[in-house]
Amino acid sequence: MAQCDACGNDYPNAFQVVGADGQRHTFDSIECAARVMAPRCENCDVRILGHGLQAGGRMFCCAHCARAEGVEQLTDHVN
């Protein structure tokens, strides 16, 4: 069995995720993987589980949060 990096659970169906930096992580659930791996919005601190929005190396969950941090050029959708 393998131990989850996030919660410590020893679980026979654990899985590994390799990050962009090459580090391997072991998790027992998607929730634990998201808790460790997902980036956070620089404005509201929510975990970004989708693509999110990026500007100048900064991550945001939506255009509203980007605007709150002074990034005006991002939009959530195009008409």
C-alpha atoms as a PDB file:
ATOM      1  CA  MET A   1       0.000   0.000   0.000  1.00  0.00           C
ATOM      2  CA  ALA A   2       1.011   3.619  -0.448  1.00  0.00           C
ATOM      3  CA  GLN A   3       0.601   6.539   1.916  1.00  0.00           C
ATOM      4  CA  CYS A   4      -1.150   9.731   0.774  1.00  0.00           C
ATOM      5  CA  ASP A   5       1.133  12.795   0.855  1.00  0.00           C
ATOM      6  CA  ALA A   6      -1.772  15.040   1.891  1.00  0.00           C
ATOM      7  CA  CYS A   7      -3.645  13.123   4.604  1.00  0.00           C
ATOM      8  CA  GLY A   8      -1.364  10.209   5.463  1.00  0.00           C
ATOM      9  CA  ASN A   9      -3.949   7.526   4.665  1.00  0.00           C
ATOM     10  CA  ASP A  10      -2.380   4.176   3.751  1.00  0.00           C
ATOM     11  CA  TYR A  11      -4.499   3.107   0.768  1.00  0.00           C
ATOM     12  CA  PRO A  12      -4.149   0.184  -1.654  1.00  0.00           C
ATOM     13  CA  ASN A  13      -5.552   2.190  -4.612  1.00  0.00           C
ATOM     14  CA  ALA A  14      -3.354   5.263  -4.183  1.00  0.00           C
ATOM     15  CA  PHE A  15      -2.051   6.932  -7.342  1.00  0.00           C
ATOM     16  CA  GLN A  16       0.891   9.120  -8.240  1.00  0.00           C
ATOM     17  CA  VAL A  17       0.966  12.534  -9.862  1.00  0.00           C
ATOM     18  CA  VAL A  18       4.129  13.984 -11.363  1.00  0.00           C
ATOM     19  CA  GLY A  19       4.249  17.768 -11.100  1.00  0.00           C
ATOM     20  CA  ALA A  20       5.617  20.139 -13.729  1.00  0.00           C
ATOM     21  CA  ASP A  21       8.807  20.304 -11.655  1.00  0.00           C
ATOM     22  CA  GLY A  22       9.230  16.506 -11.927  1.00  0.00           C
ATOM     23  CA  GLN A  23       8.390  15.793  -8.289  1.00  0.00           C
ATOM     24  CA  ARG A  24       6.266  12.697  -7.648  1.00  0.00           C
ATOM     25  CA  HIS A  25       3.348  12.864  -5.227  1.00  0.00           C
ATOM     26  CA  THR A  26       1.165  10.027  -3.935  1.00  0.00           C
ATOM     27  CA  PHE A  27      -2.537  10.568  -3.187  1.00  0.00           C
ATOM     28  CA  ASP A  28      -5.509   8.489  -2.110  1.00  0.00           C
ATOM     29  CA  SER A  29      -8.137  10.783  -3.679  1.00  0.00           C
ATOM     30  CA  ILE A  30      -8.632  13.574  -6.182  1.00  0.00           C
ATOM     31  CA  GLU A  31      -9.526  15.871  -3.276  1.00  0.00           C
ATOM     32  CA  CYS A  32      -6.133  15.316  -1.646  1.00  0.00           C
ATOM     33  CA  ALA A  33      -4.376  15.793  -4.989  1.00  0.00           C
ATOM     34  CA  ALA A  34      -6.195  19.101  -5.541  1.00  0.00           C
ATOM     35  CA  ARG A  35      -5.346  20.260  -2.025  1.00  0.00           C
ATOM     36  CA  VAL A  36      -1.633  19.824  -2.708  1.00  0.00           C
ATOM     37  CA  MET A  37      -1.278  20.430  -6.452  1.00  0.00           C
ATOM     38  CA  ALA A  38      -3.863  23.031  -7.524  1.00  0.00           C
ATOM     39  CA  PRO A  39      -2.693  26.647  -7.704  1.00  0.00           C
ATOM     40  CA  ARG A  40      -4.566  29.300  -5.730  1.00  0.00           C
ATOM     41  CA  CYS A  41      -6.115  32.521  -6.973  1.00  0.00           C
ATOM     42  CA  GLU A  42      -3.951  35.498  -5.988  1.00  0.00           C
ATOM     43  CA  ASN A  43      -7.027  37.517  -5.055  1.00  0.00           C
ATOM     44  CA  CYS A  44      -9.519  35.226  -3.290  1.00  0.00           C
ATOM     45  CA  ASP A  45      -7.237  32.243  -2.501  1.00  0.00           C
ATOM     46  CA  VAL A  46      -9.655  29.665  -3.992  1.00  0.00           C
ATOM     47  CA  ARG A  47      -8.059  26.556  -5.496  1.00  0.00           C
ATOM     48  CA  ILE A  48      -8.069  26.757  -9.286  1.00  0.00           C
ATOM     49  CA  LEU A  49      -9.216  23.386 -10.618  1.00  0.00           C
ATOM     50  CA  GLY A  50      -9.736  24.450 -14.223  1.00  0.00           C
ATOM     51  CA  HIS A  51      -7.554  26.516 -16.507  1.00  0.00           C
ATOM     52  CA  GLY A  52      -7.982  29.732 -14.582  1.00  0.00           C
ATOM     53  CA  LEU A  53      -6.559  32.955 -15.977  1.00  0.00           C
ATOM     54  CA  GLN A  54      -2.920  33.977 -16.072  1.00  0.00           C
ATOM     55  CA  ALA A  55      -1.229  37.341 -16.450  1.00  0.00           C
ATOM     56  CA  GLY A  56       2.421  38.111 -15.862  1.00  0.00           C
ATOM     57  CA  GLY A  57       2.999  34.818 -14.056  1.00  0.00           C
ATOM     58  CA  ARG A  58       0.063  35.424 -11.715  1.00  0.00           C
ATOM     59  CA  MET A  59      -2.910  33.043 -11.446  1.00  0.00           C
ATOM     60  CA  PHE A  60      -6.547  34.048 -11.016  1.00  0.00           C
ATOM     61  CA  CYS A  61      -9.762  32.032 -10.842  1.00  0.00           C
ATOM     62  CA  CYS A  62     -11.719  34.605 -12.885  1.00  0.00           C
ATOM     63  CA  ALA A  63     -11.502  38.022 -14.546  1.00  0.00           C
ATOM     64  CA  HIS A  64     -13.235  39.660 -11.572  1.00  0.00           C
ATOM     65  CA  CYS A  65     -10.394  38.589  -9.281  1.00  0.00           C
ATOM     66  CA  ALA A  66      -7.810  39.683 -11.857  1.00  0.00           C
ATOM     67  CA  ARG A  67      -9.401  43.141 -12.045  1.00  0.00           C
ATOM     68  CA  ALA A  68      -9.415  43.350  -8.235  1.00  0.00           C
ATOM     69  CA  GLU A  69      -5.633  42.905  -8.420  1.00  0.00           C
ATOM     70  CA  GLY A  70      -5.211  45.552 -11.144  1.00  0.00           C
ATOM     71  CA  VAL A  71      -5.096  43.243 -14.183  1.00  0.00           C
ATOM     72  CA  GLU A  72      -7.610  44.778 -16.599  1.00  0.00           C
ATOM     73  CA  GLN A  73      -6.961  42.912 -19.876  1.00  0.00           C
ATOM     74  CA  LEU A  74      -8.372  39.478 -18.854  1.00  0.00           C
ATOM     75  CA  THR A  75     -11.956  38.431 -19.571  1.00  0.00           C
ATOM     76  CA  ASP A  76     -13.997  35.390 -18.554  1.00  0.00           C
ATOM     77  CA  HIS A  77     -15.633  35.107 -21.984  1.00  0.00           C
ATOM     78  CA  VAL A  78     -15.796  36.842 -25.322  1.00  0.00           C
ATOM     79  CA  ASN A  79     -19.089  38.014 -26.829  1.00  0.00           C
END
